[in-house]
Amino acid sequence: MDKLKVHRNTLLLIAGIVWSIAGFNVLRLGAVAYLGYVTFLNLLLSAAVYGVFQIFVFGKKVLSSRRKLCRLSWKRRSISSI
């Protein structure tokens, strides 16, 4: 497994790409399901729920994961070790 070692910034980039793909798929599925329910009130409530999740869940998770990766003292590390 020594061949799969990457720099921590590369690991952050890989994680960002993977989470972006996952987020796009969730967004796509949600948009398809939401089409029959588009009203001003529903859009407003959806934006409020998104804001709450961004601040209290997703934002905190991103920051903690980034801090964890940046705090480590290694330059290259195995992808499977995290």
C-alpha atoms as a PDB file:
ATOM      1  CA  MET A   1       0.000   0.000   0.000  1.00  0.00           C
ATOM      2  CA  ASP A   2       3.012   2.328  -0.057  1.00  0.00           C
ATOM      3  CA  LYS A   3       2.190   3.318  -3.639  1.00  0.00           C
ATOM      4  CA  LEU A   4      -0.980   5.173  -2.600  1.00  0.00           C
ATOM      5  CA  LYS A   5       0.687   7.971  -0.642  1.00  0.00           C
ATOM      6  CA  VAL A   6      -0.360  11.539  -1.377  1.00  0.00           C
ATOM      7  CA  HIS A   7       0.410  15.035  -0.125  1.00  0.00           C
ATOM      8  CA  ARG A   8      -2.142  16.381   2.362  1.00  0.00           C
ATOM      9  CA  ASN A   9      -3.271  19.134  -0.027  1.00  0.00           C
ATOM     10  CA  THR A  10      -3.900  16.510  -2.705  1.00  0.00           C
ATOM     11  CA  LEU A  11      -5.890  14.514  -0.166  1.00  0.00           C
ATOM     12  CA  LEU A  12      -7.991  17.604   0.588  1.00  0.00           C
ATOM     13  CA  LEU A  13      -8.593  18.073  -3.137  1.00  0.00           C
ATOM     14  CA  ILE A  14      -9.643  14.433  -3.572  1.00  0.00           C
ATOM     15  CA  ALA A  15     -12.018  14.705  -0.601  1.00  0.00           C
ATOM     16  CA  GLY A  16     -13.482  17.918  -2.007  1.00  0.00           C
ATOM     17  CA  ILE A  17     -14.095  16.354  -5.409  1.00  0.00           C
ATOM     18  CA  VAL A  18     -15.731  13.266  -3.912  1.00  0.00           C
ATOM     19  CA  TRP A  19     -18.010  15.344  -1.655  1.00  0.00           C
ATOM     20  CA  SER A  20     -18.877  17.666  -4.550  1.00  0.00           C
ATOM     21  CA  ILE A  21     -19.958  14.719  -6.686  1.00  0.00           C
ATOM     22  CA  ALA A  22     -22.041  13.329  -3.823  1.00  0.00           C
ATOM     23  CA  GLY A  23     -23.590  16.737  -3.166  1.00  0.00           C
ATOM     24  CA  PHE A  24     -24.431  17.218  -6.844  1.00  0.00           C
ATOM     25  CA  ASN A  25     -26.211  13.863  -6.929  1.00  0.00           C
ATOM     26  CA  VAL A  26     -28.260  14.742  -3.836  1.00  0.00           C
ATOM     27  CA  LEU A  27     -29.088  18.126  -5.364  1.00  0.00           C
ATOM     28  CA  ARG A  28     -30.132  16.496  -8.643  1.00  0.00           C
ATOM     29  CA  LEU A  29     -32.399  13.975  -6.910  1.00  0.00           C
ATOM     30  CA  GLY A  30     -33.912  16.683  -4.727  1.00  0.00           C
ATOM     31  CA  ALA A  31     -34.566  18.977  -7.693  1.00  0.00           C
ATOM     32  CA  VAL A  32     -36.364  16.218  -9.584  1.00  0.00           C
ATOM     33  CA  ALA A  33     -38.551  15.407  -6.566  1.00  0.00           C
ATOM     34  CA  TYR A  34     -39.166  19.107  -5.810  1.00  0.00           C
ATOM     35  CA  LEU A  35     -40.542  20.130  -9.224  1.00  0.00           C
ATOM     36  CA  GLY A  36     -44.191  19.622  -8.287  1.00  0.00           C
ATOM     37  CA  TYR A  37     -43.901  21.671  -5.087  1.00  0.00           C
ATOM     38  CA  VAL A  38     -42.250  24.910  -6.225  1.00  0.00           C
ATOM     39  CA  THR A  39     -43.865  27.862  -4.447  1.00  0.00           C
ATOM     40  CA  PHE A  40     -42.365  30.975  -2.896  1.00  0.00           C
ATOM     41  CA  LEU A  41     -42.990  29.680   0.628  1.00  0.00           C
ATOM     42  CA  ASN A  42     -41.405  26.296  -0.124  1.00  0.00           C
ATOM     43  CA  LEU A  43     -38.352  27.968  -1.660  1.00  0.00           C
ATOM     44  CA  LEU A  44     -38.031  30.221   1.384  1.00  0.00           C
ATOM     45  CA  LEU A  45     -38.330  27.295   3.802  1.00  0.00           C
ATOM     46  CA  SER A  46     -35.849  25.253   1.764  1.00  0.00           C
ATOM     47  CA  ALA A  47     -33.330  28.108   1.878  1.00  0.00           C
ATOM     48  CA  ALA A  48     -33.795  28.379   5.649  1.00  0.00           C
ATOM     49  CA  VAL A  49     -33.254  24.639   6.181  1.00  0.00           C
ATOM     50  CA  TYR A  50     -30.190  24.719   3.920  1.00  0.00           C
ATOM     51  CA  GLY A  51     -28.769  27.647   5.884  1.00  0.00           C
ATOM     52  CA  VAL A  52     -29.240  25.884   9.205  1.00  0.00           C
ATOM     53  CA  PHE A  53     -27.595  22.704   7.922  1.00  0.00           C
ATOM     54  CA  GLN A  54     -24.738  24.645   6.331  1.00  0.00           C
ATOM     55  CA  ILE A  55     -23.950  26.518   9.533  1.00  0.00           C
ATOM     56  CA  PHE A  56     -24.496  23.806  12.138  1.00  0.00           C
ATOM     57  CA  VAL A  57     -23.677  20.564  10.302  1.00  0.00           C
ATOM     58  CA  PHE A  58     -21.839  20.806   6.984  1.00  0.00           C
ATOM     59  CA  GLY A  59     -19.732  23.863   7.751  1.00  0.00           C
ATOM     60  CA  LYS A  60     -18.534  22.490  11.076  1.00  0.00           C
ATOM     61  CA  LYS A  61     -17.743  19.108   9.536  1.00  0.00           C
ATOM     62  CA  VAL A  62     -15.729  20.656   6.712  1.00  0.00           C
ATOM     63  CA  LEU A  63     -13.748  22.841   9.111  1.00  0.00           C
ATOM     64  CA  SER A  64     -13.021  20.012  11.530  1.00  0.00           C
ATOM     65  CA  SER A  65     -11.894  17.677   8.745  1.00  0.00           C
ATOM     66  CA  ARG A  66      -9.687  20.368   7.224  1.00  0.00           C
ATOM     67  CA  ARG A  67      -8.143  21.210  10.614  1.00  0.00           C
ATOM     68  CA  LYS A  68      -7.483  17.531  11.261  1.00  0.00           C
ATOM     69  CA  LEU A  69      -5.706  17.083   7.944  1.00  0.00           C
ATOM     70  CA  CYS A  70      -3.702  20.307   8.203  1.00  0.00           C
ATOM     71  CA  ARG A  71      -2.667  19.647  11.807  1.00  0.00           C
ATOM     72  CA  LEU A  72      -0.934  16.398  10.897  1.00  0.00           C
ATOM     73  CA  SER A  73       2.815  16.702  10.530  1.00  0.00           C
ATOM     74  CA  TRP A  74       3.311  14.383   7.585  1.00  0.00           C
ATOM     75  CA  LYS A  75       3.912  15.395   4.020  1.00  0.00           C
ATOM     76  CA  ARG A  76       2.754  12.211   2.353  1.00  0.00           C
ATOM     77  CA  ARG A  77       0.302   9.726   3.757  1.00  0.00           C
ATOM     78  CA  SER A  78      -1.618   6.693   2.596  1.00  0.00           C
ATOM     79  CA  ILE A  79      -5.151   7.446   1.411  1.00  0.00           C
ATOM     80  CA  SER A  80      -6.493   4.487   3.375  1.00  0.00           C
ATOM     81  CA  SER A  81      -5.003   5.667   6.684  1.00  0.00           C
ATOM     82  CA  ILE A  82      -7.593   8.398   7.321  1.00  0.00           C
END
